[in-house]
C-alpha atoms as a PDB file:
ATOM      1  CA  MET A   1      41.306 107.550  61.916  1.00  0.00           C
ATOM      2  CA  ALA A   2      38.615 107.667  64.488  1.00  0.00           C
ATOM      3  CA  LEU A   3      39.596 105.717  67.588  1.00  0.00           C
ATOM      4  CA  ALA A   4      37.352 103.812  69.733  1.00  0.00           C
ATOM      5  CA  GLY A   5      35.910 105.250  72.795  1.00  0.00           C
ATOM      6  CA  ARG A   6      37.110 108.707  72.320  1.00  0.00           C
ATOM      7  CA  GLY A   7      33.937 110.894  72.117  1.00  0.00           C
ATOM      8  CA  PRO A   8      34.118 114.751  72.005  1.00  0.00           C
ATOM      9  CA  HIS A   9      34.067 114.618  75.785  1.00  0.00           C
ATOM     10  CA  GLN A  10      36.632 111.855  76.662  1.00  0.00           C
ATOM     11  CA  GLY A  11      39.744 114.205  76.565  1.00  0.00           C
ATOM     12  CA  ASP A  12      37.933 117.324  78.664  1.00  0.00           C
ATOM     13  CA  SER A  13      38.930 115.874  81.998  1.00  0.00           C
ATOM     14  CA  ALA A  14      42.865 116.573  80.966  1.00  0.00           C
ATOM     15  CA  ARG A  15      41.788 120.105  80.488  1.00  0.00           C
ATOM     16  CA  ARG A  16      40.255 120.984  83.837  1.00  0.00           C
ATOM     17  CA  PRO A  17      42.797 121.957  86.580  1.00  0.00           C
ATOM     18  CA  ARG A  18      43.186 119.033  89.057  1.00  0.00           C
ATOM     19  CA  VAL A  19      41.982 120.116  92.629  1.00  0.00           C
ATOM     20  CA  LYS A  20      44.223 118.997  95.206  1.00  0.00           C
ATOM     21  CA  ALA A  21      42.960 118.709  98.225  1.00  0.00           C
ATOM     22  CA  ARG A  22      45.031 120.219 101.406  1.00  0.00           C
ATOM     23  CA  LEU A  23      44.789 118.392 104.523  1.00  0.00           C
ATOM     24  CA  VAL A  24      44.418 120.507 107.453  1.00  0.00           C
ATOM     25  CA  LEU A  25      45.007 120.168 111.348  1.00  0.00           C
ATOM     26  CA  ALA A  26      43.214 122.743 113.352  1.00  0.00           C
ATOM     27  CA  PHE A  27      44.148 123.256 117.213  1.00  0.00           C
ATOM     28  CA  ASP A  28      41.701 124.773 120.196  1.00  0.00           C
ATOM     29  CA  PHE A  29      44.333 126.358 122.529  1.00  0.00           C
ATOM     30  CA  GLY A  30      44.083 126.089 126.148  1.00  0.00           C
ATOM     31  CA  LEU A  31      46.452 126.060 129.241  1.00  0.00           C
ATOM     32  CA  LYS A  32      45.520 122.863 130.434  1.00  0.00           C
ATOM     33  CA  ARG A  33      44.527 121.192 126.979  1.00  0.00           C
ATOM     34  CA  ILE A  34      44.792 121.507 123.105  1.00  0.00           C
ATOM     35  CA  GLY A  35      41.714 119.901 121.383  1.00  0.00           C
ATOM     36  CA  LEU A  36      42.646 118.988 117.782  1.00  0.00           C
ATOM     37  CA  ALA A  37      40.775 118.330 114.480  1.00  0.00           C
ATOM     38  CA  SER A  38      41.300 117.424 111.027  1.00  0.00           C
ATOM     39  CA  GLY A  39      39.606 117.798 107.498  1.00  0.00           C
ATOM     40  CA  ASP A  40      40.572 118.491 104.106  1.00  0.00           C
ATOM     41  CA  THR A  41      39.627 121.384 101.546  1.00  0.00           C
ATOM     42  CA  LEU A  42      38.206 118.900  98.954  1.00  0.00           C
ATOM     43  CA  THR A  43      35.146 117.611 101.215  1.00  0.00           C
ATOM     44  CA  ARG A  44      35.388 120.722 103.710  1.00  0.00           C
ATOM     45  CA  SER A  45      34.194 118.399 106.264  1.00  0.00           C
ATOM     46  CA  ALA A  46      36.441 118.329 109.812  1.00  0.00           C
ATOM     47  CA  ALA A  47      36.395 115.936 112.379  1.00  0.00           C
ATOM     48  CA  PRO A  48      37.524 115.957 116.068  1.00  0.00           C
ATOM     49  CA  ARG A  49      40.706 113.940 117.146  1.00  0.00           C
ATOM     50  CA  ALA A  50      42.892 113.736 120.286  1.00  0.00           C
ATOM     51  CA  THR A  51      43.269 116.391 123.053  1.00  0.00           C
ATOM     52  CA  VAL A  52      46.697 116.854 124.109  1.00  0.00           C
ATOM     53  CA  PRO A  53      47.687 117.859 127.161  1.00  0.00           C
ATOM     54  CA  HIS A  54      49.299 121.448 127.917  1.00  0.00           C
ATOM     55  CA  HIS A  55      51.523 121.547 130.886  1.00  0.00           C
ATOM     56  CA  ILE A  56      52.919 124.155 133.110  1.00  0.00           C
ATOM     57  CA  ASP A  57      56.367 123.904 130.961  1.00  0.00           C
ATOM     58  CA  GLY A  58      54.446 123.688 127.621  1.00  0.00           C
ATOM     59  CA  PRO A  59      52.194 121.499 124.973  1.00  0.00           C
ATOM     60  CA  ASP A  60      52.916 118.318 124.815  1.00  0.00           C
ATOM     61  CA  TRP A  61      54.907 118.597 121.591  1.00  0.00           C
ATOM     62  CA  PRO A  62      55.587 114.644 121.289  1.00  0.00           C
ATOM     63  CA  ALA A  63      52.243 113.675 121.435  1.00  0.00           C
ATOM     64  CA  ILE A  64      51.535 116.940 118.596  1.00  0.00           C
ATOM     65  CA  ASP A  65      54.221 115.469 116.501  1.00  0.00           C
ATOM     66  CA  ARG A  66      52.242 112.144 116.417  1.00  0.00           C
ATOM     67  CA  GLU A  67      49.655 113.820 115.418  1.00  0.00           C
ATOM     68  CA  VAL A  68      51.401 115.867 112.450  1.00  0.00           C
ATOM     69  CA  ARG A  69      53.217 112.696 111.358  1.00  0.00           C
ATOM     70  CA  ALA A  70      50.028 110.585 111.346  1.00  0.00           C
ATOM     71  CA  LEU A  71      48.143 112.924 109.133  1.00  0.00           C
ATOM     72  CA  GLY A  72      51.014 114.946 107.017  1.00  0.00           C
ATOM     73  CA  PRO A  73      49.111 118.378 106.928  1.00  0.00           C
ATOM     74  CA  ASP A  74      49.749 120.652 104.422  1.00  0.00           C
ATOM     75  CA  VAL A  75      48.505 123.409 106.608  1.00  0.00           C
ATOM     76  CA  LEU A  76      47.628 124.101 110.244  1.00  0.00           C
ATOM     77  CA  VAL A  77      44.898 126.191 111.910  1.00  0.00           C
ATOM     78  CA  VAL A  78      45.021 127.790 115.319  1.00  0.00           C
ATOM     79  CA  GLY A  79      42.133 129.357 116.923  1.00  0.00           C
ATOM     80  CA  ALA A  80      42.188 133.307 117.883  1.00  0.00           C
ATOM     81  CA  PRO A  81      40.710 133.979 121.118  1.00  0.00           C
ATOM     82  CA  TYR A  82      38.403 136.813 121.277  1.00  0.00           C
ATOM     83  CA  ASN A  83      36.276 138.382 123.384  1.00  0.00           C
ATOM     84  CA  ASP A  84      32.516 139.185 122.535  1.00  0.00           C
ATOM     85  CA  ASP A  85      33.423 143.107 121.877  1.00  0.00           C
ATOM     86  CA  GLY A  86      36.417 141.794 119.286  1.00  0.00           C
ATOM     87  CA  THR A  87      39.119 142.699 121.737  1.00  0.00           C
ATOM     88  CA  PRO A  88      41.901 139.817 122.161  1.00  0.00           C
ATOM     89  CA  GLY A  89      40.811 137.386 124.622  1.00  0.00           C
ATOM     90  CA  SER A  90      43.060 136.747 127.830  1.00  0.00           C
ATOM     91  CA  LEU A  91      44.620 133.614 126.044  1.00  0.00           C
ATOM     92  CA  ALA A  92      45.423 135.511 122.893  1.00  0.00           C
ATOM     93  CA  ALA A  93      48.986 135.825 123.179  1.00  0.00           C
ATOM     94  CA  SER A  94      49.601 132.512 124.429  1.00  0.00           C
ATOM     95  CA  ALA A  95      47.657 131.256 121.452  1.00  0.00           C
ATOM     96  CA  ASP A  96      49.796 133.565 119.109  1.00  0.00           C
ATOM     97  CA  ALA A  97      52.857 132.074 120.664  1.00  0.00           C
ATOM     98  CA  PHE A  98      51.682 128.066 120.107  1.00  0.00           C
ATOM     99  CA  ALA A  99      50.775 129.550 116.528  1.00  0.00           C
ATOM    100  CA  ARG A 100      54.396 130.654 115.875  1.00  0.00           C
ATOM    101  CA  ALA A 101      56.097 127.550 117.490  1.00  0.00           C
ATOM    102  CA  LEU A 102      53.832 125.335 115.328  1.00  0.00           C
ATOM    103  CA  GLN A 103      55.286 127.333 112.207  1.00  0.00           C
ATOM    104  CA  LEU A 104      58.887 127.148 113.140  1.00  0.00           C
ATOM    105  CA  ARG A 105      58.677 123.376 114.656  1.00  0.00           C
ATOM    106  CA  TYR A 106      56.914 122.136 111.201  1.00  0.00           C
ATOM    107  CA  GLY A 107      57.409 124.797 108.562  1.00  0.00           C
ATOM    108  CA  LEU A 108      53.700 124.757 107.677  1.00  0.00           C
ATOM    109  CA  THR A 109      51.607 127.663 106.774  1.00  0.00           C
ATOM    110  CA  VAL A 110      49.859 128.356 110.187  1.00  0.00           C
ATOM    111  CA  ASP A 111      46.240 130.352 109.272  1.00  0.00           C
ATOM    112  CA  ARG A 112      44.189 132.094 112.415  1.00  0.00           C
ATOM    113  CA  ILE A 113      40.491 132.187 112.750  1.00  0.00           C
ATOM    114  CA  ASP A 114      38.170 133.686 114.678  1.00  0.00           C
ATOM    115  CA  GLU A 115      37.174 131.067 117.900  1.00  0.00           C
ATOM    116  CA  ARG A 116      34.699 133.118 119.370  1.00  0.00           C
ATOM    117  CA  TYR A 117      31.795 130.866 120.544  1.00  0.00           C
ATOM    118  CA  SER A 118      33.408 127.641 118.974  1.00  0.00           C
ATOM    119  CA  SER A 119      33.439 125.953 122.532  1.00  0.00           C
ATOM    120  CA  THR A 120      29.752 127.221 123.313  1.00  0.00           C
ATOM    121  CA  ALA A 121      28.780 125.757 119.811  1.00  0.00           C
ATOM    122  CA  ALA A 122      30.698 122.453 120.328  1.00  0.00           C
ATOM    123  CA  ALA A 123      28.952 121.734 124.083  1.00  0.00           C
ATOM    124  CA  SER A 124      25.653 122.252 122.621  1.00  0.00           C
ATOM    125  CA  LEU A 125      26.268 119.788 119.558  1.00  0.00           C
ATOM    126  CA  LEU A 126      27.708 116.806 121.781  1.00  0.00           C
ATOM    127  CA  ARG A 127      25.018 117.304 124.780  1.00  0.00           C
ATOM    128  CA  GLU A 128      22.373 116.870 121.671  1.00  0.00           C
ATOM    129  CA  GLN A 129      24.169 114.076 120.348  1.00  0.00           C
ATOM    130  CA  ARG A 130      24.170 112.590 123.733  1.00  0.00           C
ATOM    131  CA  ALA A 131      20.323 113.160 124.500  1.00  0.00           C
ATOM    132  CA  SER A 132      19.343 111.751 120.911  1.00  0.00           C
ATOM    133  CA  GLY A 133      21.307 108.763 121.605  1.00  0.00           C
ATOM    134  CA  GLN A 134      24.191 109.199 119.032  1.00  0.00           C
ATOM    135  CA  ARG A 135      26.814 109.983 121.505  1.00  0.00           C
ATOM    136  CA  LYS A 136      26.485 107.030 124.496  1.00  0.00           C
ATOM    137  CA  ARG A 137      29.667 108.106 126.362  1.00  0.00           C
ATOM    138  CA  PRO A 138      29.379 111.401 128.820  1.00  0.00           C
ATOM    139  CA  VAL A 139      31.070 114.377 127.531  1.00  0.00           C
ATOM    140  CA  GLY A 140      34.541 115.368 129.065  1.00  0.00           C
ATOM    141  CA  LYS A 141      36.057 118.696 128.788  1.00  0.00           C
ATOM    142  CA  GLY A 142      38.588 116.866 126.312  1.00  0.00           C
ATOM    143  CA  ASP A 143      35.240 116.219 123.917  1.00  0.00           C
ATOM    144  CA  ILE A 144      34.729 119.578 123.878  1.00  0.00           C
ATOM    145  CA  ASP A 145      37.799 120.792 123.158  1.00  0.00           C
ATOM    146  CA  SER A 146      38.025 118.805 120.285  1.00  0.00           C
ATOM    147  CA  ALA A 147      34.914 119.527 118.873  1.00  0.00           C
ATOM    148  CA  ALA A 148      35.499 122.947 119.354  1.00  0.00           C
ATOM    149  CA  ALA A 149      38.532 122.455 117.014  1.00  0.00           C
ATOM    150  CA  ALA A 150      36.337 120.813 114.732  1.00  0.00           C
ATOM    151  CA  VAL A 151      33.771 123.826 114.619  1.00  0.00           C
ATOM    152  CA  MET A 152      36.318 126.451 113.784  1.00  0.00           C
ATOM    153  CA  LEU A 153      38.174 123.944 111.291  1.00  0.00           C
ATOM    154  CA  ALA A 154      34.714 123.809 109.551  1.00  0.00           C
ATOM    155  CA  SER A 155      34.599 127.829 109.704  1.00  0.00           C
ATOM    156  CA  TRP A 156      37.707 127.833 108.272  1.00  0.00           C
ATOM    157  CA  LEU A 157      36.935 125.490 105.329  1.00  0.00           C
ATOM    158  CA  GLU A 158      33.799 127.621 104.513  1.00  0.00           C
ATOM    159  CA  GLN A 159      36.171 130.807 104.196  1.00  0.00           C
ATOM    160  CA  GLN A 160      38.188 128.764 101.441  1.00  0.00           C
ATOM    161  CA  SER A 161      37.733 129.460  97.964  1.00  0.00           C
END
């Protein structure tokens, strides 16, 4: 007996593995500000989020807690600062400590990505948006930090298979 609406391809979707999008929160670590961006592995898109302050006594953890709670990420990505020649940059040890603190605090996987030129690319993109009229307000340092986090995250997403 044939069932209506059950053609030969109707059951194919049940056999295909479902792809679960992983939500990702990225951090562009700095000693004054930490730029944030979010994205997911399904659409492979990245967007700037807030910039949180980094005080002399450390990151603004309550602000980061709010962002983590709001997004509910599966993975965190932290930029690894390298010099042009590939050697660790002056912020490398601080960024490493921040990445370890994130992992301990949230119990999530923390991936690292080379952040060379991300701020330069972000500043260029924001300048172009401002010049074309896409962006109305002036570009601030915090805007560049969050846009740099989005540039890094976009690169990380491209590397995922």
